[in-house]
Amino acid sequence: MTRILSEETSISNQYISELRDVNVQNDSLRFRRNLERLGEIIGYEISKELEYDLKEVNTPLGTSEAKILKEQPVLATILRAGLAMHRGLLNVFDKAQNAYVSAYRKHQDNGSGFDIKIEYLSSPPLDGRIVILSDPMLATGSSMVLSYEALLKKGTPKQIHVVSAISSKQGLEYTRKHLPANTKIWIATVDDELNDKAYIIPGLGDAGDLAFGEKD
């Protein structure tokens, strides 16, 4: 299943437009907050897909019944760009455990391409768990797939939710092809192209740099 929010009418479209806008991007606080808001919106939508138990709650004046999450998901993100969106998801699933994967592009010396390197993994056990894996940009899809494969060292989840702000068509198809059949993909919007450096066009630029400052 793939859900693309921009195909619907919602405030998420405004947040995406501000993330793209070069006149707004110089405000890194607003950039992070808009990624966080998208995480909150998508987290709410994911919550509708999960299982609930009926629980009796004591109030000062009596009792009430409420539907409570049957189990908490594990929120996983790809460092560093994914941190702002991860925070939005954590605002929704505030009792969730968390996992972090360091994945980055290591460019070849001749400038002809790059490899994806995984250097760090911190995660609780994942056997039989629901995992929500987020990264704001799904360009080629390689980082997402390799991060998922790294998480398998901690066990095999029973269900995967992939969350991104912007995906290329190529990245979306690659992710669909290489992740398990029980994966659900949640994207705010999809762009048509990648340039020769594998950046999404029109995209928004480097999400990590815009959120947290330029790196060497």
N, C-alpha and C. Protein backbone atom coordinates (compact mmCIF):
# COMPACT_ATOMS: atom_id res chain seq x y z
N MET A 1 0.84 -1.19 0.00
CA MET A 1 0.00 0.00 0.00
C MET A 1 0.87 1.24 0.00
N THR A 2 0.53 2.20 -0.84
CA THR A 2 1.21 3.49 -0.86
C THR A 2 0.18 4.60 -0.70
N ARG A 3 0.42 5.52 0.22
CA ARG A 3 -0.47 6.66 0.43
C ARG A 3 0.32 7.93 0.13
N ILE A 4 -0.16 8.74 -0.80
CA ILE A 4 0.48 9.99 -1.18
C ILE A 4 -0.43 11.14 -0.77
N LEU A 5 -0.01 11.91 0.22
CA LEU A 5 -0.88 12.93 0.80
C LEU A 5 -1.24 14.03 -0.17
N SER A 6 -0.32 14.37 -1.11
CA SER A 6 -0.58 15.48 -2.02
C SER A 6 -1.70 15.18 -3.01
N GLU A 7 -2.11 13.92 -3.08
CA GLU A 7 -3.25 13.57 -3.94
C GLU A 7 -4.58 13.92 -3.27
N GLU A 8 -4.51 14.36 -2.02
CA GLU A 8 -5.68 14.74 -1.25
C GLU A 8 -5.59 16.22 -0.89
N THR A 9 -6.66 16.77 -0.36
CA THR A 9 -6.66 18.16 0.09
C THR A 9 -6.44 18.18 1.60
N SER A 10 -5.28 18.72 2.01
CA SER A 10 -5.01 18.85 3.44
C SER A 10 -3.94 19.91 3.65
N ILE A 11 -3.75 20.31 4.90
CA ILE A 11 -2.75 21.32 5.25
C ILE A 11 -1.34 20.83 4.97
N SER A 12 -1.15 19.52 4.79
CA SER A 12 0.19 19.00 4.50
C SER A 12 0.76 19.60 3.23
N ASN A 13 -0.09 19.95 2.27
CA ASN A 13 0.38 20.56 1.03
C ASN A 13 1.02 21.92 1.27
N GLN A 14 0.50 22.67 2.24
CA GLN A 14 1.10 23.96 2.58
C GLN A 14 2.48 23.76 3.20
N TYR A 15 2.62 22.76 4.08
CA TYR A 15 3.91 22.51 4.70
C TYR A 15 4.95 22.10 3.67
N ILE A 16 4.53 21.28 2.70
CA ILE A 16 5.45 20.88 1.63
C ILE A 16 5.88 22.10 0.80
N SER A 17 4.94 22.97 0.49
CA SER A 17 5.27 24.15 -0.32
C SER A 17 6.28 25.04 0.41
N GLU A 18 6.16 25.16 1.73
CA GLU A 18 7.11 25.96 2.50
C GLU A 18 8.47 25.29 2.58
N LEU A 19 8.49 23.96 2.68
CA LEU A 19 9.76 23.24 2.67
C LEU A 19 10.53 23.46 1.37
N ARG A 20 9.80 23.56 0.26
CA ARG A 20 10.44 23.76 -1.05
C ARG A 20 10.88 25.20 -1.29
N ASP A 21 10.21 26.16 -0.69
CA ASP A 21 10.33 27.57 -1.02
C ASP A 21 11.68 28.14 -0.58
N VAL A 22 12.50 28.60 -1.54
CA VAL A 22 13.82 29.14 -1.20
C VAL A 22 13.72 30.38 -0.33
N ASN A 23 12.58 31.06 -0.37
CA ASN A 23 12.41 32.25 0.46
C ASN A 23 12.03 31.92 1.90
N VAL A 24 11.69 30.68 2.16
CA VAL A 24 11.35 30.24 3.51
C VAL A 24 12.46 29.36 4.08
N GLN A 25 13.23 28.73 3.21
CA GLN A 25 14.23 27.75 3.65
C GLN A 25 15.34 28.33 4.52
N ASN A 26 15.57 29.67 4.43
CA ASN A 26 16.62 30.24 5.25
C ASN A 26 16.25 30.29 6.73
N ASP A 27 15.02 29.95 7.06
CA ASP A 27 14.57 29.85 8.45
C ASP A 27 14.62 28.36 8.83
N SER A 28 15.76 27.93 9.38
CA SER A 28 15.94 26.51 9.67
C SER A 28 14.98 26.01 10.74
N LEU A 29 14.58 26.90 11.65
CA LEU A 29 13.60 26.50 12.67
C LEU A 29 12.27 26.15 12.02
N ARG A 30 11.83 26.98 11.07
CA ARG A 30 10.56 26.70 10.39
C ARG A 30 10.69 25.45 9.52
N PHE A 31 11.85 25.27 8.89
CA PHE A 31 12.06 24.08 8.08
C PHE A 31 11.92 22.82 8.93
N ARG A 32 12.57 22.80 10.08
CA ARG A 32 12.46 21.64 10.97
C ARG A 32 11.03 21.45 11.44
N ARG A 33 10.38 22.54 11.77
CA ARG A 33 9.01 22.45 12.29
C ARG A 33 8.06 21.90 11.23
N ASN A 34 8.25 22.29 9.97
CA ASN A 34 7.38 21.76 8.92
C ASN A 34 7.60 20.27 8.71
N LEU A 35 8.85 19.80 8.79
CA LEU A 35 9.09 18.36 8.75
C LEU A 35 8.45 17.66 9.94
N GLU A 36 8.54 18.30 11.09
CA GLU A 36 7.92 17.75 12.29
C GLU A 36 6.40 17.66 12.12
N ARG A 37 5.80 18.70 11.56
CA ARG A 37 4.35 18.69 11.34
C ARG A 37 3.94 17.56 10.39
N LEU A 38 4.72 17.36 9.33
CA LEU A 38 4.40 16.25 8.42
C LEU A 38 4.50 14.92 9.15
N GLY A 39 5.50 14.79 10.02
CA GLY A 39 5.60 13.57 10.82
C GLY A 39 4.38 13.36 11.69
N GLU A 40 3.87 14.44 12.25
CA GLU A 40 2.67 14.34 13.09
C GLU A 40 1.44 13.93 12.26
N ILE A 41 1.29 14.55 11.09
CA ILE A 41 0.14 14.23 10.23
C ILE A 41 0.19 12.78 9.78
N ILE A 42 1.36 12.34 9.30
CA ILE A 42 1.47 10.97 8.83
C ILE A 42 1.36 9.99 9.99
N GLY A 43 1.92 10.35 11.14
CA GLY A 43 1.78 9.50 12.32
C GLY A 43 0.32 9.28 12.69
N TYR A 44 -0.47 10.35 12.62
CA TYR A 44 -1.91 10.22 12.89
C TYR A 44 -2.57 9.28 11.89
N GLU A 45 -2.21 9.42 10.62
CA GLU A 45 -2.81 8.54 9.60
C GLU A 45 -2.39 7.09 9.82
N ILE A 46 -1.14 6.86 10.17
CA ILE A 46 -0.69 5.50 10.46
C ILE A 46 -1.45 4.93 11.64
N SER A 47 -1.74 5.76 12.64
CA SER A 47 -2.42 5.28 13.84
C SER A 47 -3.77 4.65 13.52
N LYS A 48 -4.39 5.05 12.42
CA LYS A 48 -5.68 4.48 12.03
C LYS A 48 -5.55 3.04 11.54
N GLU A 49 -4.31 2.65 11.17
CA GLU A 49 -4.07 1.32 10.62
C GLU A 49 -3.70 0.30 11.70
N LEU A 50 -3.50 0.75 12.93
CA LEU A 50 -3.00 -0.12 13.99
C LEU A 50 -4.16 -0.75 14.77
N GLU A 51 -3.83 -1.72 15.62
CA GLU A 51 -4.83 -2.44 16.40
C GLU A 51 -4.99 -1.81 17.78
N TYR A 52 -6.22 -1.90 18.30
CA TYR A 52 -6.54 -1.27 19.59
C TYR A 52 -7.26 -2.26 20.49
N ASP A 53 -7.07 -2.06 21.80
CA ASP A 53 -7.81 -2.80 22.83
C ASP A 53 -8.72 -1.84 23.57
N LEU A 54 -9.84 -2.36 24.04
CA LEU A 54 -10.75 -1.56 24.84
C LEU A 54 -10.29 -1.59 26.29
N LYS A 55 -10.13 -0.41 26.88
CA LYS A 55 -9.63 -0.32 28.24
C LYS A 55 -10.56 0.55 29.08
N GLU A 56 -10.76 0.14 30.32
CA GLU A 56 -11.56 0.92 31.26
C GLU A 56 -10.66 1.91 31.99
N VAL A 57 -11.07 3.17 31.97
CA VAL A 57 -10.28 4.24 32.59
C VAL A 57 -11.08 4.86 33.74
N ASN A 58 -10.45 4.98 34.89
CA ASN A 58 -11.10 5.62 36.04
C ASN A 58 -10.94 7.13 35.96
N THR A 59 -12.05 7.84 36.10
CA THR A 59 -12.04 9.30 36.16
C THR A 59 -12.38 9.72 37.59
N PRO A 60 -12.26 10.99 37.94
CA PRO A 60 -12.64 11.42 39.29
C PRO A 60 -14.11 11.17 39.60
N LEU A 61 -14.95 11.00 38.56
CA LEU A 61 -16.39 10.88 38.78
C LEU A 61 -16.96 9.54 38.32
N GLY A 62 -16.12 8.65 37.86
CA GLY A 62 -16.67 7.37 37.40
C GLY A 62 -15.66 6.62 36.54
N THR A 63 -16.16 5.88 35.57
CA THR A 63 -15.30 5.13 34.66
C THR A 63 -15.71 5.41 33.22
N SER A 64 -14.74 5.23 32.33
CA SER A 64 -14.98 5.43 30.91
C SER A 64 -14.21 4.37 30.14
N GLU A 65 -14.71 4.00 28.97
CA GLU A 65 -14.00 3.06 28.12
C GLU A 65 -13.32 3.80 26.98
N ALA A 66 -12.10 3.37 26.65
CA ALA A 66 -11.34 4.01 25.57
C ALA A 66 -10.60 2.94 24.79
N LYS A 67 -10.43 3.20 23.49
CA LYS A 67 -9.64 2.31 22.65
C LYS A 67 -8.17 2.76 22.72
N ILE A 68 -7.33 1.86 23.23
CA ILE A 68 -5.92 2.14 23.47
C ILE A 68 -5.08 1.27 22.55
N LEU A 69 -3.97 1.81 22.04
CA LEU A 69 -3.10 1.02 21.17
C LEU A 69 -2.77 -0.32 21.80
N LYS A 70 -2.93 -1.37 21.03
CA LYS A 70 -2.63 -2.72 21.51
C LYS A 70 -1.14 -2.90 21.77
N GLU A 71 -0.32 -2.30 20.90
CA GLU A 71 1.13 -2.35 21.09
C GLU A 71 1.75 -1.09 20.51
N GLN A 72 2.85 -0.68 21.10
CA GLN A 72 3.55 0.51 20.64
C GLN A 72 4.49 0.15 19.50
N PRO A 73 4.58 1.01 18.48
CA PRO A 73 5.54 0.77 17.40
C PRO A 73 6.95 1.13 17.84
N VAL A 74 7.92 0.74 17.03
CA VAL A 74 9.29 1.23 17.16
C VAL A 74 9.49 2.28 16.07
N LEU A 75 9.92 3.47 16.46
CA LEU A 75 10.18 4.55 15.51
C LEU A 75 11.65 4.54 15.13
N ALA A 76 11.94 4.31 13.87
CA ALA A 76 13.32 4.27 13.38
C ALA A 76 13.54 5.41 12.39
N THR A 77 14.72 6.01 12.45
CA THR A 77 15.01 7.09 11.50
C THR A 77 16.44 7.03 11.02
N ILE A 78 16.69 7.68 9.90
CA ILE A 78 18.01 7.72 9.30
C ILE A 78 18.67 9.05 9.65
N LEU A 79 19.80 8.97 10.33
CA LEU A 79 20.52 10.17 10.76
C LEU A 79 21.21 10.83 9.56
N ARG A 80 21.30 12.20 9.55
CA ARG A 80 20.77 13.11 10.55
C ARG A 80 19.47 13.76 10.08
N ALA A 81 19.26 13.67 8.76
CA ALA A 81 18.15 14.40 8.14
C ALA A 81 16.80 13.98 8.69
N GLY A 82 16.69 12.73 9.14
CA GLY A 82 15.40 12.23 9.59
C GLY A 82 14.96 12.69 10.96
N LEU A 83 15.82 13.40 11.70
CA LEU A 83 15.52 13.69 13.10
C LEU A 83 14.28 14.55 13.29
N ALA A 84 14.07 15.55 12.44
CA ALA A 84 12.92 16.45 12.62
C ALA A 84 11.60 15.72 12.38
N MET A 85 11.53 14.94 11.30
CA MET A 85 10.32 14.17 11.02
C MET A 85 10.10 13.10 12.10
N HIS A 86 11.20 12.51 12.57
CA HIS A 86 11.13 11.53 13.65
C HIS A 86 10.49 12.14 14.90
N ARG A 87 10.86 13.37 15.19
CA ARG A 87 10.29 14.04 16.36
C ARG A 87 8.77 14.19 16.23
N GLY A 88 8.30 14.50 15.01
CA GLY A 88 6.85 14.59 14.79
C GLY A 88 6.15 13.27 15.03
N LEU A 89 6.75 12.18 14.54
CA LEU A 89 6.19 10.85 14.78
C LEU A 89 6.19 10.53 16.27
N LEU A 90 7.26 10.94 16.97
CA LEU A 90 7.34 10.67 18.40
C LEU A 90 6.33 11.50 19.19
N ASN A 91 5.97 12.67 18.67
CA ASN A 91 4.91 13.45 19.32
C ASN A 91 3.58 12.70 19.31
N VAL A 92 3.37 11.89 18.26
CA VAL A 92 2.14 11.11 18.15
C VAL A 92 2.25 9.82 18.95
N PHE A 93 3.33 9.08 18.71
CA PHE A 93 3.54 7.79 19.42
C PHE A 93 4.54 8.04 20.55
N ASP A 94 4.07 8.75 21.58
CA ASP A 94 4.99 9.24 22.61
C ASP A 94 5.48 8.18 23.58
N LYS A 95 4.96 6.96 23.48
CA LYS A 95 5.44 5.86 24.31
C LYS A 95 6.28 4.87 23.50
N ALA A 96 6.56 5.20 22.25
CA ALA A 96 7.28 4.28 21.37
C ALA A 96 8.75 4.18 21.75
N GLN A 97 9.33 3.00 21.47
CA GLN A 97 10.77 2.86 21.51
C GLN A 97 11.35 3.42 20.21
N ASN A 98 12.66 3.69 20.21
CA ASN A 98 13.28 4.39 19.09
C ASN A 98 14.51 3.66 18.58
N ALA A 99 14.75 3.77 17.28
CA ALA A 99 15.93 3.20 16.64
C ALA A 99 16.53 4.23 15.71
N TYR A 100 17.87 4.20 15.58
CA TYR A 100 18.57 5.18 14.76
C TYR A 100 19.61 4.46 13.89
N VAL A 101 19.64 4.85 12.62
CA VAL A 101 20.59 4.29 11.66
C VAL A 101 21.35 5.44 11.02
N SER A 102 22.69 5.34 11.00
CA SER A 102 23.50 6.33 10.30
C SER A 102 23.78 5.84 8.90
N ALA A 103 23.19 6.49 7.91
CA ALA A 103 23.41 6.14 6.50
C ALA A 103 23.78 7.41 5.74
N TYR A 104 24.81 7.34 4.93
CA TYR A 104 25.22 8.53 4.18
C TYR A 104 25.81 8.14 2.84
N ARG A 105 25.83 9.13 1.94
CA ARG A 105 26.42 8.92 0.62
C ARG A 105 27.93 9.13 0.69
N LYS A 106 28.70 8.13 0.30
CA LYS A 106 30.15 8.27 0.18
C LYS A 106 30.47 8.37 -1.31
N HIS A 107 30.82 9.57 -1.75
CA HIS A 107 31.05 9.81 -3.16
C HIS A 107 32.40 9.24 -3.60
N GLN A 108 32.43 8.67 -4.79
CA GLN A 108 33.66 8.10 -5.32
C GLN A 108 34.62 9.20 -5.74
N ASP A 109 35.90 8.92 -5.65
CA ASP A 109 36.93 9.94 -5.92
C ASP A 109 36.85 10.50 -7.33
N ASN A 110 36.45 9.68 -8.27
CA ASN A 110 36.38 10.15 -9.66
C ASN A 110 35.09 10.91 -9.97
N GLY A 111 34.22 11.03 -8.94
CA GLY A 111 32.99 11.79 -9.11
C GLY A 111 31.93 11.10 -9.93
N SER A 112 32.13 9.80 -10.21
CA SER A 112 31.20 9.10 -11.10
C SER A 112 29.96 8.57 -10.39
N GLY A 113 29.94 8.62 -9.08
CA GLY A 113 28.78 8.09 -8.36
C GLY A 113 29.05 8.04 -6.87
N PHE A 114 28.25 7.28 -6.16
CA PHE A 114 28.41 7.17 -4.71
C PHE A 114 27.90 5.82 -4.24
N ASP A 115 28.37 5.44 -3.05
CA ASP A 115 27.87 4.27 -2.36
C ASP A 115 27.18 4.73 -1.09
N ILE A 116 26.23 3.94 -0.61
CA ILE A 116 25.58 4.23 0.66
C ILE A 116 26.31 3.46 1.76
N LYS A 117 26.77 4.18 2.78
CA LYS A 117 27.49 3.57 3.88
C LYS A 117 26.64 3.61 5.16
N ILE A 118 26.59 2.49 5.86
CA ILE A 118 25.93 2.39 7.16
C ILE A 118 27.02 2.29 8.20
N GLU A 119 27.05 3.24 9.16
CA GLU A 119 28.13 3.24 10.14
C GLU A 119 27.67 3.02 11.56
N TYR A 120 26.36 3.21 11.85
CA TYR A 120 25.92 3.17 13.24
C TYR A 120 24.49 2.68 13.29
N LEU A 121 24.21 1.84 14.29
CA LEU A 121 22.85 1.33 14.49
C LEU A 121 22.58 1.23 15.98
N SER A 122 21.48 1.81 16.41
CA SER A 122 21.01 1.68 17.79
C SER A 122 19.53 1.35 17.75
N SER A 123 19.16 0.20 18.30
CA SER A 123 17.77 -0.24 18.16
C SER A 123 17.41 -1.25 19.24
N PRO A 124 16.15 -1.24 19.69
CA PRO A 124 15.67 -2.32 20.54
C PRO A 124 15.44 -3.58 19.70
N PRO A 125 15.15 -4.72 20.31
CA PRO A 125 14.79 -5.91 19.54
C PRO A 125 13.57 -5.65 18.67
N LEU A 126 13.58 -6.19 17.45
CA LEU A 126 12.53 -5.88 16.48
C LEU A 126 11.70 -7.08 16.05
N ASP A 127 12.00 -8.26 16.55
CA ASP A 127 11.23 -9.44 16.17
C ASP A 127 9.75 -9.25 16.48
N GLY A 128 8.91 -9.39 15.45
CA GLY A 128 7.47 -9.31 15.63
C GLY A 128 6.94 -7.93 15.97
N ARG A 129 7.75 -6.89 15.77
CA ARG A 129 7.33 -5.53 16.11
C ARG A 129 6.81 -4.79 14.88
N ILE A 130 6.09 -3.70 15.13
CA ILE A 130 5.70 -2.74 14.09
C ILE A 130 6.78 -1.67 14.05
N VAL A 131 7.40 -1.46 12.87
CA VAL A 131 8.47 -0.48 12.73
C VAL A 131 8.02 0.62 11.78
N ILE A 132 8.19 1.87 12.21
CA ILE A 132 7.93 3.04 11.37
C ILE A 132 9.29 3.66 11.07
N LEU A 133 9.72 3.57 9.80
CA LEU A 133 11.05 3.99 9.38
C LEU A 133 10.93 5.27 8.54
N SER A 134 11.56 6.34 8.99
CA SER A 134 11.38 7.64 8.34
C SER A 134 12.70 8.23 7.83
N ASP A 135 12.59 8.93 6.72
CA ASP A 135 13.66 9.73 6.13
C ASP A 135 12.97 10.74 5.22
N PRO A 136 13.27 12.04 5.34
CA PRO A 136 12.47 13.02 4.61
C PRO A 136 12.55 12.92 3.10
N MET A 137 13.70 12.44 2.56
CA MET A 137 13.86 12.38 1.11
C MET A 137 14.09 10.95 0.67
N LEU A 138 13.25 10.48 -0.23
CA LEU A 138 13.38 9.14 -0.80
C LEU A 138 13.81 9.33 -2.25
N ALA A 139 15.13 9.48 -2.45
CA ALA A 139 15.66 9.81 -3.77
C ALA A 139 15.80 8.55 -4.62
N THR A 140 16.90 7.81 -4.42
CA THR A 140 17.05 6.55 -5.14
C THR A 140 16.37 5.39 -4.41
N GLY A 141 16.12 5.57 -3.12
CA GLY A 141 15.56 4.51 -2.30
C GLY A 141 16.60 3.62 -1.66
N SER A 142 17.88 3.76 -2.05
CA SER A 142 18.93 2.87 -1.56
C SER A 142 19.16 3.03 -0.06
N SER A 143 19.17 4.27 0.43
CA SER A 143 19.38 4.48 1.87
C SER A 143 18.28 3.83 2.69
N MET A 144 17.05 3.95 2.23
CA MET A 144 15.92 3.37 2.95
C MET A 144 16.03 1.85 3.01
N VAL A 145 16.34 1.24 1.88
CA VAL A 145 16.42 -0.22 1.82
C VAL A 145 17.59 -0.73 2.64
N LEU A 146 18.76 -0.09 2.52
CA LEU A 146 19.93 -0.54 3.29
C LEU A 146 19.73 -0.32 4.79
N SER A 147 19.02 0.74 5.16
CA SER A 147 18.73 0.98 6.57
C SER A 147 17.80 -0.09 7.11
N TYR A 148 16.80 -0.47 6.34
CA TYR A 148 15.91 -1.56 6.73
C TYR A 148 16.72 -2.85 6.91
N GLU A 149 17.61 -3.15 5.97
CA GLU A 149 18.41 -4.37 6.07
C GLU A 149 19.31 -4.34 7.30
N ALA A 150 19.83 -3.15 7.65
CA ALA A 150 20.65 -3.03 8.86
C ALA A 150 19.80 -3.31 10.11
N LEU A 151 18.56 -2.84 10.11
CA LEU A 151 17.67 -3.07 11.26
C LEU A 151 17.36 -4.55 11.46
N LEU A 152 17.44 -5.33 10.40
CA LEU A 152 17.16 -6.77 10.51
C LEU A 152 18.14 -7.48 11.43
N LYS A 153 19.28 -6.85 11.72
CA LYS A 153 20.21 -7.43 12.69
C LYS A 153 19.57 -7.50 14.07
N LYS A 154 18.55 -6.68 14.30
CA LYS A 154 17.86 -6.66 15.59
C LYS A 154 16.58 -7.49 15.58
N GLY A 155 16.30 -8.19 14.47
CA GLY A 155 15.10 -9.03 14.38
C GLY A 155 14.25 -8.66 13.19
N THR A 156 13.27 -9.50 12.91
CA THR A 156 12.40 -9.30 11.75
C THR A 156 11.06 -8.71 12.18
N PRO A 157 10.75 -7.49 11.77
CA PRO A 157 9.46 -6.88 12.13
C PRO A 157 8.30 -7.62 11.47
N LYS A 158 7.13 -7.50 12.08
CA LYS A 158 5.94 -8.09 11.45
C LYS A 158 5.29 -7.13 10.47
N GLN A 159 5.60 -5.84 10.61
CA GLN A 159 5.00 -4.83 9.72
C GLN A 159 5.92 -3.63 9.64
N ILE A 160 6.04 -3.06 8.43
CA ILE A 160 6.89 -1.89 8.21
C ILE A 160 6.05 -0.76 7.65
N HIS A 161 6.25 0.43 8.19
CA HIS A 161 5.69 1.66 7.63
C HIS A 161 6.86 2.56 7.26
N VAL A 162 6.96 2.94 5.99
CA VAL A 162 8.00 3.84 5.50
C VAL A 162 7.39 5.23 5.36
N VAL A 163 8.09 6.25 5.89
CA VAL A 163 7.58 7.61 5.91
C VAL A 163 8.60 8.55 5.28
N SER A 164 8.17 9.35 4.29
CA SER A 164 9.04 10.37 3.68
C SER A 164 8.21 11.60 3.33
N ALA A 165 8.90 12.73 3.25
CA ALA A 165 8.24 13.96 2.82
C ALA A 165 8.13 14.00 1.30
N ILE A 166 9.26 13.81 0.61
CA ILE A 166 9.28 13.86 -0.84
C ILE A 166 10.00 12.63 -1.38
N SER A 167 9.41 12.00 -2.37
CA SER A 167 10.02 10.85 -3.03
C SER A 167 10.10 11.12 -4.52
N SER A 168 11.11 10.55 -5.17
CA SER A 168 11.10 10.48 -6.63
C SER A 168 10.31 9.24 -7.03
N LYS A 169 9.84 9.22 -8.26
CA LYS A 169 9.16 8.02 -8.76
C LYS A 169 10.10 6.81 -8.73
N GLN A 170 11.36 7.05 -9.07
CA GLN A 170 12.35 5.98 -9.08
C GLN A 170 12.56 5.42 -7.67
N GLY A 171 12.72 6.32 -6.70
CA GLY A 171 12.94 5.89 -5.33
C GLY A 171 11.76 5.13 -4.76
N LEU A 172 10.56 5.58 -5.12
CA LEU A 172 9.36 4.90 -4.65
C LEU A 172 9.28 3.48 -5.21
N GLU A 173 9.54 3.34 -6.50
CA GLU A 173 9.49 2.01 -7.12
C GLU A 173 10.58 1.09 -6.57
N TYR A 174 11.78 1.64 -6.34
CA TYR A 174 12.87 0.84 -5.80
C TYR A 174 12.51 0.34 -4.39
N THR A 175 11.91 1.20 -3.60
CA THR A 175 11.52 0.83 -2.25
C THR A 175 10.43 -0.24 -2.28
N ARG A 176 9.45 -0.05 -3.13
CA ARG A 176 8.39 -1.06 -3.26
C ARG A 176 8.97 -2.42 -3.64
N LYS A 177 9.96 -2.41 -4.52
CA LYS A 177 10.51 -3.66 -5.04
C LYS A 177 11.35 -4.40 -4.01
N HIS A 178 12.06 -3.65 -3.15
CA HIS A 178 13.06 -4.27 -2.29
C HIS A 178 12.66 -4.41 -0.82
N LEU A 179 11.52 -3.88 -0.44
CA LEU A 179 11.05 -4.08 0.93
C LEU A 179 9.94 -5.13 0.94
N PRO A 180 9.67 -5.75 2.08
CA PRO A 180 8.71 -6.86 2.13
C PRO A 180 7.30 -6.45 1.73
N ALA A 181 6.50 -7.46 1.44
CA ALA A 181 5.13 -7.22 0.98
C ALA A 181 4.26 -6.57 2.05
N ASN A 182 4.64 -6.73 3.33
CA ASN A 182 3.83 -6.14 4.40
C ASN A 182 4.22 -4.68 4.69
N THR A 183 4.95 -4.04 3.76
CA THR A 183 5.36 -2.65 3.93
C THR A 183 4.26 -1.70 3.45
N LYS A 184 3.98 -0.68 4.25
CA LYS A 184 3.08 0.40 3.84
C LYS A 184 3.91 1.68 3.73
N ILE A 185 3.75 2.40 2.62
CA ILE A 185 4.57 3.57 2.33
C ILE A 185 3.70 4.81 2.40
N TRP A 186 4.18 5.82 3.15
CA TRP A 186 3.46 7.07 3.36
C TRP A 186 4.35 8.21 2.89
N ILE A 187 3.92 8.91 1.83
CA ILE A 187 4.71 9.97 1.20
C ILE A 187 3.86 11.23 1.15
N ALA A 188 4.47 12.39 1.50
CA ALA A 188 3.71 13.63 1.37
C ALA A 188 3.51 14.01 -0.08
N THR A 189 4.55 13.84 -0.93
CA THR A 189 4.40 14.12 -2.35
C THR A 189 5.48 13.40 -3.14
N VAL A 190 5.23 13.19 -4.44
CA VAL A 190 6.15 12.47 -5.31
C VAL A 190 6.53 13.36 -6.49
N ASP A 191 7.85 13.46 -6.76
CA ASP A 191 8.37 14.22 -7.91
C ASP A 191 8.81 13.25 -9.00
N ASP A 192 8.87 13.77 -10.23
CA ASP A 192 9.10 12.90 -11.39
C ASP A 192 10.55 12.49 -11.59
N GLU A 193 11.52 13.34 -11.24
CA GLU A 193 12.87 13.15 -11.75
C GLU A 193 13.93 13.11 -10.66
N LEU A 194 15.09 12.51 -11.04
CA LEU A 194 16.37 12.64 -10.34
C LEU A 194 17.36 13.28 -11.30
N ASN A 195 18.22 14.17 -10.77
CA ASN A 195 19.26 14.72 -11.64
C ASN A 195 20.47 13.79 -11.69
N ASP A 196 21.56 14.22 -12.35
CA ASP A 196 22.71 13.33 -12.52
C ASP A 196 23.47 13.09 -11.21
N LYS A 197 23.14 13.84 -10.16
CA LYS A 197 23.73 13.61 -8.84
C LYS A 197 22.77 12.86 -7.92
N ALA A 198 21.66 12.38 -8.49
CA ALA A 198 20.65 11.61 -7.76
C ALA A 198 19.94 12.45 -6.70
N TYR A 199 19.76 13.75 -6.98
CA TYR A 199 18.90 14.59 -6.16
C TYR A 199 17.54 14.72 -6.82
N ILE A 200 16.51 14.79 -5.99
CA ILE A 200 15.14 14.86 -6.50
C ILE A 200 14.89 16.23 -7.13
N ILE A 201 14.25 16.23 -8.31
CA ILE A 201 13.90 17.46 -9.02
C ILE A 201 12.38 17.53 -9.17
N PRO A 202 11.71 18.63 -8.73
CA PRO A 202 12.28 19.85 -8.16
C PRO A 202 12.72 19.71 -6.70
N GLY A 203 12.20 18.74 -5.96
CA GLY A 203 12.69 18.46 -4.61
C GLY A 203 12.69 19.67 -3.71
N LEU A 204 13.74 19.74 -2.86
CA LEU A 204 13.88 20.91 -1.99
C LEU A 204 15.34 21.20 -1.65
N GLY A 205 16.26 20.40 -2.14
CA GLY A 205 17.67 20.56 -1.78
C GLY A 205 18.08 19.50 -0.78
N ASP A 206 19.09 19.82 0.04
CA ASP A 206 19.61 18.88 1.04
C ASP A 206 18.86 19.10 2.35
N ALA A 207 17.98 18.17 2.70
CA ALA A 207 17.14 18.33 3.89
C ALA A 207 17.96 18.41 5.17
N GLY A 208 19.04 17.62 5.25
CA GLY A 208 19.88 17.65 6.44
C GLY A 208 20.54 19.00 6.64
N ASP A 209 21.09 19.56 5.57
CA ASP A 209 21.74 20.87 5.66
C ASP A 209 20.73 21.97 6.00
N LEU A 210 19.57 21.92 5.38
CA LEU A 210 18.55 22.94 5.63
C LEU A 210 18.02 22.88 7.06
N ALA A 211 17.97 21.69 7.61
CA ALA A 211 17.46 21.54 8.98
C ALA A 211 18.50 21.85 10.04
N PHE A 212 19.77 21.42 9.77
CA PHE A 212 20.76 21.44 10.84
C PHE A 212 22.07 22.16 10.50
N GLY A 213 22.15 22.76 9.31
CA GLY A 213 23.35 23.48 8.91
C GLY A 213 24.23 22.66 7.99
N GLU A 214 25.02 23.36 7.19
CA GLU A 214 25.87 22.69 6.22
C GLU A 214 26.97 21.90 6.91
N LYS A 215 27.39 20.81 6.28
CA LYS A 215 28.45 19.94 6.80
C LYS A 215 29.62 19.94 5.83
N ASP A 216 30.78 19.52 6.32
CA ASP A 216 31.95 19.41 5.45
C ASP A 216 31.82 18.21 4.54
